[in-house]
Amino acid sequence: MGGNDAELGAAVARAQLGDEDGFARAYRMVQPGLLGYLRGLVGEDAEDVAADAWLEIARDLGRFRGDGQGFRGWAATIARHRALDHLRRQRRRPRTAAIEPHVLELPDGQDTAATALESLSTQQALALIRGLPRDQAEAVLLRVVVGLDGPATARVLGKRAGAVRTAAYRGLRRLAGRLGQGGATT
């Protein structure tokens, strides 16, 4: 998902000038990953939370400054805030939840998370990610599903890059360990 950042940046720039097609293109490029991330946080309420997030994104689009990767991170931050608000209203803690198989579209293998998950079927990967502690699952979801780089993931989570790197590393190491034990075989 992170491979079309230049195209996304151009679509966002057009949207900021009032081009509805530009906004629609940005939405189509970002929504699948955003929805996958939100499903990991709020489960079946992801579509409602995403709709709230997109209302805020549309409202504040004129204030956004940055490129395609920056927009992806900005949108994920807004979505995360809406998800945490939703969870507070529901009085439950964030948890990894059922993620629809189609939302885990792996990037072109440019980062370690993709490499660790490439050999798995989507269902196997989702089952393994759901089994990770929440901080590790969220780091892996942001990197793989949303397509953010390490610093952008850290900004979304409000953590230091080192803490996010550690969570992603531990999550990937745990995934690799489960793979080595045959935990992902059907």
N, C-alpha and C. Protein backbone atom coordinates (compact mmCIF):
# COMPACT_ATOMS: atom_id res chain seq x y z
N MET A 1 0.80 -1.19 0.00
CA MET A 1 0.00 0.00 0.00
C MET A 1 0.85 1.26 0.00
N GLY A 2 2.04 1.21 0.51
CA GLY A 2 2.87 2.39 0.58
C GLY A 2 3.55 2.74 -0.71
N GLY A 3 3.42 1.90 -1.76
CA GLY A 3 4.18 2.10 -2.99
C GLY A 3 3.70 3.22 -3.87
N ASN A 4 2.48 3.74 -3.68
CA ASN A 4 1.94 4.78 -4.55
C ASN A 4 1.91 6.13 -3.86
N ASP A 5 2.91 6.43 -3.05
CA ASP A 5 2.88 7.67 -2.29
C ASP A 5 2.93 8.92 -3.16
N ALA A 6 3.65 8.87 -4.29
CA ALA A 6 3.69 10.04 -5.18
C ALA A 6 2.31 10.29 -5.78
N GLU A 7 1.65 9.23 -6.22
CA GLU A 7 0.31 9.35 -6.78
C GLU A 7 -0.67 9.84 -5.72
N LEU A 8 -0.54 9.33 -4.49
CA LEU A 8 -1.40 9.77 -3.40
C LEU A 8 -1.17 11.24 -3.10
N GLY A 9 0.08 11.65 -3.05
CA GLY A 9 0.40 13.06 -2.79
C GLY A 9 -0.22 13.97 -3.83
N ALA A 10 -0.18 13.56 -5.11
CA ALA A 10 -0.79 14.36 -6.18
C ALA A 10 -2.30 14.43 -6.01
N ALA A 11 -2.92 13.31 -5.64
CA ALA A 11 -4.38 13.29 -5.44
C ALA A 11 -4.77 14.21 -4.29
N VAL A 12 -4.01 14.18 -3.21
CA VAL A 12 -4.29 15.03 -2.04
C VAL A 12 -4.15 16.50 -2.43
N ALA A 13 -3.11 16.82 -3.18
CA ALA A 13 -2.91 18.21 -3.62
C ALA A 13 -4.10 18.68 -4.45
N ARG A 14 -4.59 17.82 -5.34
CA ARG A 14 -5.77 18.17 -6.14
C ARG A 14 -7.00 18.35 -5.24
N ALA A 15 -7.14 17.44 -4.26
CA ALA A 15 -8.28 17.53 -3.35
C ALA A 15 -8.26 18.83 -2.56
N GLN A 16 -7.07 19.27 -2.17
CA GLN A 16 -6.95 20.51 -1.41
C GLN A 16 -7.35 21.72 -2.24
N LEU A 17 -7.33 21.58 -3.56
CA LEU A 17 -7.77 22.65 -4.45
C LEU A 17 -9.26 22.53 -4.78
N GLY A 18 -9.94 21.57 -4.14
CA GLY A 18 -11.36 21.41 -4.35
C GLY A 18 -11.74 20.38 -5.40
N ASP A 19 -10.79 19.62 -5.91
CA ASP A 19 -11.06 18.61 -6.93
C ASP A 19 -11.66 17.37 -6.27
N GLU A 20 -12.95 17.12 -6.54
CA GLU A 20 -13.62 15.97 -5.92
C GLU A 20 -13.02 14.65 -6.37
N ASP A 21 -12.59 14.57 -7.63
CA ASP A 21 -11.96 13.33 -8.11
C ASP A 21 -10.64 13.07 -7.38
N GLY A 22 -9.91 14.12 -7.06
CA GLY A 22 -8.67 13.97 -6.30
C GLY A 22 -8.95 13.42 -4.92
N PHE A 23 -10.01 13.94 -4.27
CA PHE A 23 -10.37 13.43 -2.94
C PHE A 23 -10.80 11.97 -3.04
N ALA A 24 -11.61 11.66 -4.04
CA ALA A 24 -12.09 10.27 -4.21
C ALA A 24 -10.91 9.33 -4.43
N ARG A 25 -9.92 9.76 -5.20
CA ARG A 25 -8.74 8.93 -5.46
C ARG A 25 -7.95 8.72 -4.17
N ALA A 26 -7.75 9.78 -3.40
CA ALA A 26 -7.02 9.66 -2.12
C ALA A 26 -7.77 8.72 -1.19
N TYR A 27 -9.08 8.85 -1.15
CA TYR A 27 -9.90 7.97 -0.31
C TYR A 27 -9.72 6.52 -0.72
N ARG A 28 -9.82 6.24 -2.03
CA ARG A 28 -9.69 4.85 -2.50
C ARG A 28 -8.31 4.29 -2.22
N MET A 29 -7.29 5.12 -2.21
CA MET A 29 -5.93 4.64 -1.95
C MET A 29 -5.67 4.37 -0.47
N VAL A 30 -6.30 5.13 0.41
CA VAL A 30 -6.01 5.07 1.84
C VAL A 30 -7.02 4.21 2.61
N GLN A 31 -8.28 4.22 2.18
CA GLN A 31 -9.34 3.57 2.94
C GLN A 31 -9.11 2.09 3.24
N PRO A 32 -8.66 1.25 2.29
CA PRO A 32 -8.51 -0.17 2.63
C PRO A 32 -7.55 -0.40 3.80
N GLY A 33 -6.41 0.27 3.79
CA GLY A 33 -5.45 0.11 4.89
C GLY A 33 -5.97 0.68 6.19
N LEU A 34 -6.64 1.84 6.09
CA LEU A 34 -7.19 2.47 7.28
C LEU A 34 -8.27 1.58 7.90
N LEU A 35 -9.10 1.01 7.07
CA LEU A 35 -10.15 0.12 7.56
C LEU A 35 -9.55 -1.13 8.22
N GLY A 36 -8.50 -1.67 7.62
CA GLY A 36 -7.83 -2.83 8.22
C GLY A 36 -7.25 -2.50 9.58
N TYR A 37 -6.63 -1.34 9.68
CA TYR A 37 -6.07 -0.89 10.95
C TYR A 37 -7.17 -0.73 11.99
N LEU A 38 -8.28 -0.09 11.59
CA LEU A 38 -9.38 0.14 12.53
C LEU A 38 -10.04 -1.18 12.94
N ARG A 39 -10.12 -2.14 12.04
CA ARG A 39 -10.68 -3.44 12.40
C ARG A 39 -9.84 -4.09 13.50
N GLY A 40 -8.53 -3.84 13.45
CA GLY A 40 -7.65 -4.36 14.49
C GLY A 40 -7.88 -3.70 15.84
N LEU A 41 -8.43 -2.48 15.84
CA LEU A 41 -8.66 -1.76 17.09
C LEU A 41 -10.09 -1.88 17.61
N VAL A 42 -11.07 -1.78 16.72
CA VAL A 42 -12.46 -1.71 17.18
C VAL A 42 -13.35 -2.79 16.59
N GLY A 43 -12.78 -3.72 15.84
CA GLY A 43 -13.56 -4.83 15.31
C GLY A 43 -14.65 -4.40 14.36
N GLU A 44 -15.86 -4.88 14.61
CA GLU A 44 -16.96 -4.67 13.67
C GLU A 44 -17.41 -3.22 13.57
N ASP A 45 -16.97 -2.36 14.47
CA ASP A 45 -17.34 -0.94 14.42
C ASP A 45 -16.40 -0.12 13.53
N ALA A 46 -15.48 -0.80 12.85
CA ALA A 46 -14.47 -0.11 12.05
C ALA A 46 -15.07 0.82 10.99
N GLU A 47 -16.10 0.38 10.31
CA GLU A 47 -16.69 1.20 9.24
C GLU A 47 -17.24 2.51 9.80
N ASP A 48 -17.92 2.44 10.95
CA ASP A 48 -18.47 3.65 11.56
C ASP A 48 -17.36 4.60 12.00
N VAL A 49 -16.31 4.04 12.60
CA VAL A 49 -15.19 4.87 13.06
C VAL A 49 -14.48 5.48 11.85
N ALA A 50 -14.31 4.70 10.79
CA ALA A 50 -13.68 5.21 9.57
C ALA A 50 -14.50 6.36 8.99
N ALA A 51 -15.82 6.23 8.99
CA ALA A 51 -16.67 7.31 8.47
C ALA A 51 -16.46 8.59 9.28
N ASP A 52 -16.40 8.46 10.60
CA ASP A 52 -16.13 9.64 11.44
C ASP A 52 -14.76 10.24 11.12
N ALA A 53 -13.78 9.37 10.95
CA ALA A 53 -12.43 9.84 10.63
C ALA A 53 -12.41 10.59 9.30
N TRP A 54 -13.08 10.05 8.28
CA TRP A 54 -13.08 10.71 6.97
C TRP A 54 -13.82 12.04 7.00
N LEU A 55 -14.82 12.18 7.85
CA LEU A 55 -15.47 13.49 8.00
C LEU A 55 -14.46 14.51 8.53
N GLU A 56 -13.68 14.09 9.51
CA GLU A 56 -12.66 14.98 10.07
C GLU A 56 -11.56 15.26 9.06
N ILE A 57 -11.13 14.23 8.33
CA ILE A 57 -10.09 14.40 7.30
C ILE A 57 -10.56 15.41 6.26
N ALA A 58 -11.80 15.25 5.78
CA ALA A 58 -12.34 16.17 4.77
C ALA A 58 -12.42 17.59 5.32
N ARG A 59 -12.88 17.72 6.57
CA ARG A 59 -13.02 19.04 7.18
C ARG A 59 -11.67 19.75 7.30
N ASP A 60 -10.63 19.00 7.69
CA ASP A 60 -9.33 19.61 8.00
C ASP A 60 -8.32 19.50 6.87
N LEU A 61 -8.73 19.02 5.71
CA LEU A 61 -7.80 18.77 4.60
C LEU A 61 -6.99 20.00 4.23
N GLY A 62 -7.60 21.17 4.28
CA GLY A 62 -6.88 22.40 3.92
C GLY A 62 -5.70 22.69 4.82
N ARG A 63 -5.71 22.14 6.02
CA ARG A 63 -4.60 22.38 6.97
C ARG A 63 -3.47 21.37 6.82
N PHE A 64 -3.72 20.27 6.07
CA PHE A 64 -2.68 19.25 5.93
C PHE A 64 -1.53 19.79 5.09
N ARG A 65 -0.31 19.50 5.54
CA ARG A 65 0.90 19.82 4.77
C ARG A 65 1.75 18.56 4.72
N GLY A 66 2.13 18.13 3.53
CA GLY A 66 2.99 16.97 3.42
C GLY A 66 2.77 16.21 2.13
N ASP A 67 3.44 15.06 2.05
CA ASP A 67 3.39 14.23 0.85
C ASP A 67 2.44 13.06 1.06
N GLY A 68 2.47 12.10 0.16
CA GLY A 68 1.58 10.94 0.24
C GLY A 68 1.78 10.14 1.51
N GLN A 69 3.03 9.84 1.87
CA GLN A 69 3.31 9.09 3.09
C GLN A 69 2.84 9.89 4.31
N GLY A 70 3.04 11.21 4.25
CA GLY A 70 2.59 12.07 5.34
C GLY A 70 1.08 12.04 5.48
N PHE A 71 0.37 12.04 4.35
CA PHE A 71 -1.09 11.98 4.39
C PHE A 71 -1.57 10.66 4.97
N ARG A 72 -0.91 9.58 4.58
CA ARG A 72 -1.26 8.26 5.12
C ARG A 72 -1.13 8.27 6.65
N GLY A 73 -0.04 8.83 7.15
CA GLY A 73 0.18 8.90 8.61
C GLY A 73 -0.81 9.83 9.29
N TRP A 74 -1.10 10.97 8.66
CA TRP A 74 -2.05 11.93 9.21
C TRP A 74 -3.43 11.30 9.31
N ALA A 75 -3.85 10.61 8.25
CA ALA A 75 -5.16 9.94 8.24
C ALA A 75 -5.20 8.84 9.31
N ALA A 76 -4.11 8.09 9.45
CA ALA A 76 -4.07 7.03 10.46
C ALA A 76 -4.14 7.60 11.88
N THR A 77 -3.51 8.75 12.09
CA THR A 77 -3.56 9.40 13.40
C THR A 77 -4.98 9.83 13.73
N ILE A 78 -5.66 10.44 12.77
CA ILE A 78 -7.05 10.85 12.99
C ILE A 78 -7.91 9.63 13.27
N ALA A 79 -7.73 8.58 12.47
CA ALA A 79 -8.52 7.36 12.66
C ALA A 79 -8.26 6.75 14.03
N ARG A 80 -7.01 6.75 14.46
CA ARG A 80 -6.67 6.19 15.77
C ARG A 80 -7.36 6.98 16.88
N HIS A 81 -7.34 8.31 16.77
CA HIS A 81 -8.02 9.14 17.78
C HIS A 81 -9.51 8.84 17.83
N ARG A 82 -10.13 8.73 16.67
CA ARG A 82 -11.57 8.41 16.63
C ARG A 82 -11.80 7.01 17.22
N ALA A 83 -10.91 6.06 16.94
CA ALA A 83 -11.05 4.71 17.49
C ALA A 83 -10.93 4.73 19.01
N LEU A 84 -9.95 5.46 19.53
CA LEU A 84 -9.77 5.52 20.98
C LEU A 84 -10.96 6.22 21.65
N ASP A 85 -11.51 7.26 21.00
CA ASP A 85 -12.73 7.90 21.51
C ASP A 85 -13.87 6.89 21.56
N HIS A 86 -14.01 6.14 20.49
CA HIS A 86 -15.06 5.12 20.40
C HIS A 86 -14.90 4.09 21.53
N LEU A 87 -13.67 3.64 21.73
CA LEU A 87 -13.43 2.64 22.78
C LEU A 87 -13.70 3.21 24.16
N ARG A 88 -13.37 4.48 24.37
CA ARG A 88 -13.68 5.10 25.67
C ARG A 88 -15.19 5.14 25.88
N ARG A 89 -15.92 5.47 24.82
CA ARG A 89 -17.38 5.49 24.94
C ARG A 89 -17.90 4.09 25.23
N GLN A 90 -17.27 3.08 24.64
CA GLN A 90 -17.69 1.70 24.85
C GLN A 90 -17.13 1.12 26.14
N ARG A 91 -16.23 1.86 26.78
CA ARG A 91 -15.56 1.42 28.01
C ARG A 91 -14.92 0.05 27.87
N ARG A 92 -14.20 -0.10 26.78
CA ARG A 92 -13.44 -1.35 26.63
C ARG A 92 -12.07 -1.00 26.10
N ARG A 93 -11.16 -1.89 26.34
CA ARG A 93 -9.78 -1.65 25.92
C ARG A 93 -9.58 -2.02 24.47
N PRO A 94 -8.63 -1.33 23.78
CA PRO A 94 -8.31 -1.74 22.40
C PRO A 94 -7.87 -3.19 22.38
N ARG A 95 -8.23 -3.87 21.33
CA ARG A 95 -7.85 -5.27 21.20
C ARG A 95 -7.70 -5.57 19.72
N THR A 96 -6.95 -6.58 19.42
CA THR A 96 -6.93 -7.01 18.03
C THR A 96 -8.20 -7.78 17.80
N ALA A 97 -8.80 -7.57 16.67
CA ALA A 97 -10.11 -8.16 16.38
C ALA A 97 -10.04 -8.84 15.01
N ALA A 98 -11.15 -9.43 14.64
CA ALA A 98 -11.22 -10.08 13.33
C ALA A 98 -10.96 -9.05 12.25
N ILE A 99 -10.03 -9.33 11.37
CA ILE A 99 -9.69 -8.44 10.28
C ILE A 99 -10.11 -9.14 9.00
N GLU A 100 -10.82 -8.43 8.14
CA GLU A 100 -11.25 -9.04 6.89
C GLU A 100 -10.02 -9.42 6.07
N PRO A 101 -10.02 -10.58 5.44
CA PRO A 101 -8.85 -11.03 4.68
C PRO A 101 -8.40 -10.07 3.59
N HIS A 102 -9.32 -9.38 2.93
CA HIS A 102 -8.92 -8.53 1.81
C HIS A 102 -8.15 -7.28 2.24
N VAL A 103 -8.14 -6.92 3.52
CA VAL A 103 -7.46 -5.69 3.91
C VAL A 103 -5.97 -5.89 4.11
N LEU A 104 -5.51 -7.11 4.17
CA LEU A 104 -4.08 -7.33 4.37
C LEU A 104 -3.41 -7.52 3.02
N GLU A 105 -3.22 -6.40 2.31
CA GLU A 105 -2.53 -6.44 1.03
C GLU A 105 -1.09 -6.05 1.33
N LEU A 106 -0.20 -6.99 1.19
CA LEU A 106 1.18 -6.73 1.58
C LEU A 106 1.87 -5.82 0.59
N PRO A 107 2.74 -4.94 1.07
CA PRO A 107 3.52 -4.10 0.16
C PRO A 107 4.52 -4.93 -0.63
N ASP A 108 5.30 -4.25 -1.45
CA ASP A 108 6.19 -4.92 -2.39
C ASP A 108 7.40 -5.59 -1.73
N GLY A 109 7.35 -5.93 -0.49
CA GLY A 109 8.46 -6.61 0.16
C GLY A 109 9.57 -5.68 0.58
N GLN A 110 9.28 -4.36 0.66
CA GLN A 110 10.34 -3.40 0.95
C GLN A 110 10.70 -3.36 2.42
N ASP A 111 9.91 -3.98 3.28
CA ASP A 111 10.33 -3.92 4.67
C ASP A 111 10.20 -5.28 5.34
N THR A 112 10.77 -5.37 6.53
CA THR A 112 10.88 -6.63 7.23
C THR A 112 9.53 -7.27 7.52
N ALA A 113 8.53 -6.44 7.83
CA ALA A 113 7.21 -6.98 8.13
C ALA A 113 6.65 -7.74 6.94
N ALA A 114 6.81 -7.17 5.76
CA ALA A 114 6.30 -7.84 4.56
C ALA A 114 7.05 -9.15 4.35
N THR A 115 8.36 -9.12 4.53
CA THR A 115 9.16 -10.33 4.34
C THR A 115 8.72 -11.43 5.30
N ALA A 116 8.47 -11.05 6.55
CA ALA A 116 8.08 -12.05 7.54
C ALA A 116 6.72 -12.67 7.24
N LEU A 117 5.84 -11.92 6.59
CA LEU A 117 4.48 -12.40 6.37
C LEU A 117 4.23 -12.91 4.96
N GLU A 118 5.19 -12.68 4.04
CA GLU A 118 4.98 -13.03 2.63
C GLU A 118 4.62 -14.48 2.39
N SER A 119 5.23 -15.38 3.16
CA SER A 119 5.04 -16.79 2.90
C SER A 119 3.70 -17.32 3.42
N LEU A 120 2.97 -16.48 4.15
CA LEU A 120 1.72 -16.93 4.75
C LEU A 120 0.53 -16.60 3.87
N SER A 121 -0.52 -17.38 4.00
CA SER A 121 -1.78 -16.98 3.39
C SER A 121 -2.31 -15.82 4.22
N THR A 122 -3.24 -15.06 3.67
CA THR A 122 -3.83 -13.94 4.40
C THR A 122 -4.45 -14.41 5.71
N GLN A 123 -5.19 -15.49 5.67
CA GLN A 123 -5.84 -15.99 6.88
C GLN A 123 -4.82 -16.36 7.95
N GLN A 124 -3.74 -17.01 7.55
CA GLN A 124 -2.70 -17.38 8.52
C GLN A 124 -2.06 -16.13 9.13
N ALA A 125 -1.76 -15.15 8.27
CA ALA A 125 -1.13 -13.92 8.76
C ALA A 125 -2.05 -13.20 9.74
N LEU A 126 -3.33 -13.11 9.40
CA LEU A 126 -4.27 -12.43 10.28
C LEU A 126 -4.40 -13.15 11.62
N ALA A 127 -4.44 -14.47 11.58
CA ALA A 127 -4.54 -15.23 12.83
C ALA A 127 -3.32 -14.98 13.70
N LEU A 128 -2.15 -14.94 13.10
CA LEU A 128 -0.93 -14.69 13.87
C LEU A 128 -0.89 -13.27 14.43
N ILE A 129 -1.25 -12.28 13.61
CA ILE A 129 -1.23 -10.89 14.07
C ILE A 129 -2.22 -10.71 15.22
N ARG A 130 -3.41 -11.30 15.10
CA ARG A 130 -4.41 -11.18 16.17
C ARG A 130 -3.89 -11.77 17.48
N GLY A 131 -2.97 -12.71 17.41
CA GLY A 131 -2.44 -13.33 18.62
C GLY A 131 -1.33 -12.55 19.29
N LEU A 132 -0.87 -11.46 18.69
CA LEU A 132 0.20 -10.66 19.27
C LEU A 132 -0.34 -9.74 20.37
N PRO A 133 0.52 -9.34 21.32
CA PRO A 133 0.12 -8.29 22.26
C PRO A 133 -0.27 -7.04 21.48
N ARG A 134 -1.19 -6.22 22.04
CA ARG A 134 -1.75 -5.11 21.28
C ARG A 134 -0.72 -4.14 20.73
N ASP A 135 0.32 -3.77 21.51
CA ASP A 135 1.31 -2.81 21.00
C ASP A 135 2.05 -3.37 19.79
N GLN A 136 2.35 -4.68 19.84
CA GLN A 136 3.04 -5.31 18.72
C GLN A 136 2.11 -5.43 17.51
N ALA A 137 0.86 -5.83 17.76
CA ALA A 137 -0.10 -5.98 16.67
C ALA A 137 -0.33 -4.63 15.99
N GLU A 138 -0.47 -3.57 16.78
CA GLU A 138 -0.73 -2.26 16.21
C GLU A 138 0.45 -1.77 15.38
N ALA A 139 1.68 -2.01 15.85
CA ALA A 139 2.86 -1.62 15.08
C ALA A 139 2.92 -2.39 13.76
N VAL A 140 2.65 -3.69 13.80
CA VAL A 140 2.67 -4.49 12.57
C VAL A 140 1.55 -4.05 11.63
N LEU A 141 0.34 -3.79 12.16
CA LEU A 141 -0.78 -3.35 11.32
C LEU A 141 -0.46 -2.02 10.63
N LEU A 142 0.10 -1.07 11.37
CA LEU A 142 0.42 0.22 10.76
C LEU A 142 1.50 0.09 9.69
N ARG A 143 2.49 -0.76 9.96
CA ARG A 143 3.57 -0.92 8.98
C ARG A 143 3.09 -1.67 7.75
N VAL A 144 2.38 -2.78 7.94
CA VAL A 144 2.04 -3.66 6.83
C VAL A 144 0.72 -3.29 6.17
N VAL A 145 -0.31 -3.06 6.95
CA VAL A 145 -1.64 -2.82 6.38
C VAL A 145 -1.78 -1.38 5.89
N VAL A 146 -1.38 -0.41 6.74
CA VAL A 146 -1.50 0.99 6.34
C VAL A 146 -0.33 1.39 5.44
N GLY A 147 0.83 0.75 5.60
CA GLY A 147 1.98 1.04 4.75
C GLY A 147 2.85 2.18 5.24
N LEU A 148 2.85 2.44 6.56
CA LEU A 148 3.66 3.53 7.10
C LEU A 148 5.09 3.07 7.35
N ASP A 149 6.02 4.03 7.30
CA ASP A 149 7.39 3.72 7.68
C ASP A 149 7.51 3.82 9.20
N GLY A 150 8.70 3.51 9.72
CA GLY A 150 8.90 3.50 11.17
C GLY A 150 8.62 4.81 11.86
N PRO A 151 9.21 5.94 11.38
CA PRO A 151 8.95 7.22 12.04
C PRO A 151 7.47 7.62 11.99
N ALA A 152 6.80 7.36 10.87
CA ALA A 152 5.37 7.70 10.77
C ALA A 152 4.55 6.86 11.74
N THR A 153 4.90 5.58 11.86
CA THR A 153 4.21 4.70 12.80
C THR A 153 4.37 5.22 14.23
N ALA A 154 5.58 5.66 14.56
CA ALA A 154 5.84 6.21 15.90
C ALA A 154 4.99 7.45 16.15
N ARG A 155 4.86 8.32 15.14
CA ARG A 155 4.04 9.53 15.31
C ARG A 155 2.57 9.16 15.53
N VAL A 156 2.06 8.20 14.78
CA VAL A 156 0.65 7.80 14.94
C VAL A 156 0.41 7.27 16.34
N LEU A 157 1.33 6.45 16.84
CA LEU A 157 1.15 5.82 18.14
C LEU A 157 1.53 6.74 19.30
N GLY A 158 2.15 7.88 18.98
CA GLY A 158 2.56 8.79 20.03
C GLY A 158 3.68 8.22 20.89
N LYS A 159 4.52 7.41 20.26
CA LYS A 159 5.63 6.78 20.98
C LYS A 159 6.94 7.14 20.30
N ARG A 160 8.02 6.90 20.99
CA ARG A 160 9.32 7.11 20.38
C ARG A 160 9.57 6.05 19.32
N ALA A 161 10.32 6.42 18.29
CA ALA A 161 10.61 5.50 17.20
C ALA A 161 11.25 4.21 17.72
N GLY A 162 12.11 4.33 18.72
CA GLY A 162 12.77 3.15 19.28
C GLY A 162 11.78 2.18 19.90
N ALA A 163 10.77 2.71 20.59
CA ALA A 163 9.76 1.84 21.22
C ALA A 163 8.94 1.13 20.15
N VAL A 164 8.62 1.84 19.07
CA VAL A 164 7.84 1.24 17.98
C VAL A 164 8.68 0.19 17.26
N ARG A 165 9.96 0.52 17.03
CA ARG A 165 10.87 -0.46 16.39
C ARG A 165 10.94 -1.73 17.23
N THR A 166 11.05 -1.56 18.55
CA THR A 166 11.12 -2.71 19.46
C THR A 166 9.84 -3.52 19.40
N ALA A 167 8.68 -2.85 19.43
CA ALA A 167 7.40 -3.56 19.38
C ALA A 167 7.27 -4.32 18.06
N ALA A 168 7.62 -3.66 16.95
CA ALA A 168 7.52 -4.32 15.64
C ALA A 168 8.50 -5.50 15.57
N TYR A 169 9.72 -5.29 16.07
CA TYR A 169 10.71 -6.36 16.06
C TYR A 169 10.24 -7.56 16.89
N ARG A 170 9.73 -7.27 18.10
CA ARG A 170 9.26 -8.36 18.96
C ARG A 170 8.07 -9.08 18.32
N GLY A 171 7.19 -8.31 17.71
CA GLY A 171 6.04 -8.92 17.04
C GLY A 171 6.49 -9.81 15.89
N LEU A 172 7.41 -9.31 15.10
CA LEU A 172 7.91 -10.10 13.96
C LEU A 172 8.68 -11.32 14.44
N ARG A 173 9.47 -11.14 15.51
CA ARG A 173 10.21 -12.28 16.06
C ARG A 173 9.24 -13.34 16.58
N ARG A 174 8.17 -12.87 17.24
CA ARG A 174 7.16 -13.81 17.73
C ARG A 174 6.48 -14.52 16.56
N LEU A 175 6.17 -13.77 15.50
CA LEU A 175 5.58 -14.38 14.30
C LEU A 175 6.53 -15.43 13.71
N ALA A 176 7.81 -15.06 13.61
CA ALA A 176 8.79 -16.00 13.06
C ALA A 176 8.90 -17.25 13.91
N GLY A 177 8.86 -17.07 15.25
CA GLY A 177 8.91 -18.22 16.15
C GLY A 177 7.72 -19.14 15.95
N ARG A 178 6.56 -18.55 15.78
CA ARG A 178 5.37 -19.37 15.55
C ARG A 178 5.44 -20.09 14.21
N LEU A 179 6.00 -19.41 13.22
CA LEU A 179 6.17 -20.06 11.93
C LEU A 179 7.12 -21.24 12.04
N GLY A 180 8.21 -21.03 12.79
CA GLY A 180 9.19 -22.08 12.97
C GLY A 180 8.64 -23.30 13.71
N GLN A 181 7.63 -23.06 14.55
CA GLN A 181 7.01 -24.15 15.30
C GLN A 181 5.86 -24.77 14.53
N GLY A 182 5.63 -24.27 13.31
CA GLY A 182 4.52 -24.79 12.53
C GLY A 182 3.19 -24.25 12.97
N GLY A 183 3.20 -23.13 13.72
CA GLY A 183 1.97 -22.57 14.24
C GLY A 183 1.07 -21.98 13.19
N ALA A 184 1.59 -21.80 11.97
CA ALA A 184 0.76 -21.17 10.95
C ALA A 184 0.29 -22.17 9.91
N THR A 185 0.53 -23.42 10.12
CA THR A 185 0.12 -24.38 9.10
C THR A 185 -1.35 -24.71 9.26
N THR A 186 -1.98 -25.03 8.14
CA THR A 186 -3.41 -25.34 8.21
C THR A 186 -3.64 -26.82 8.27
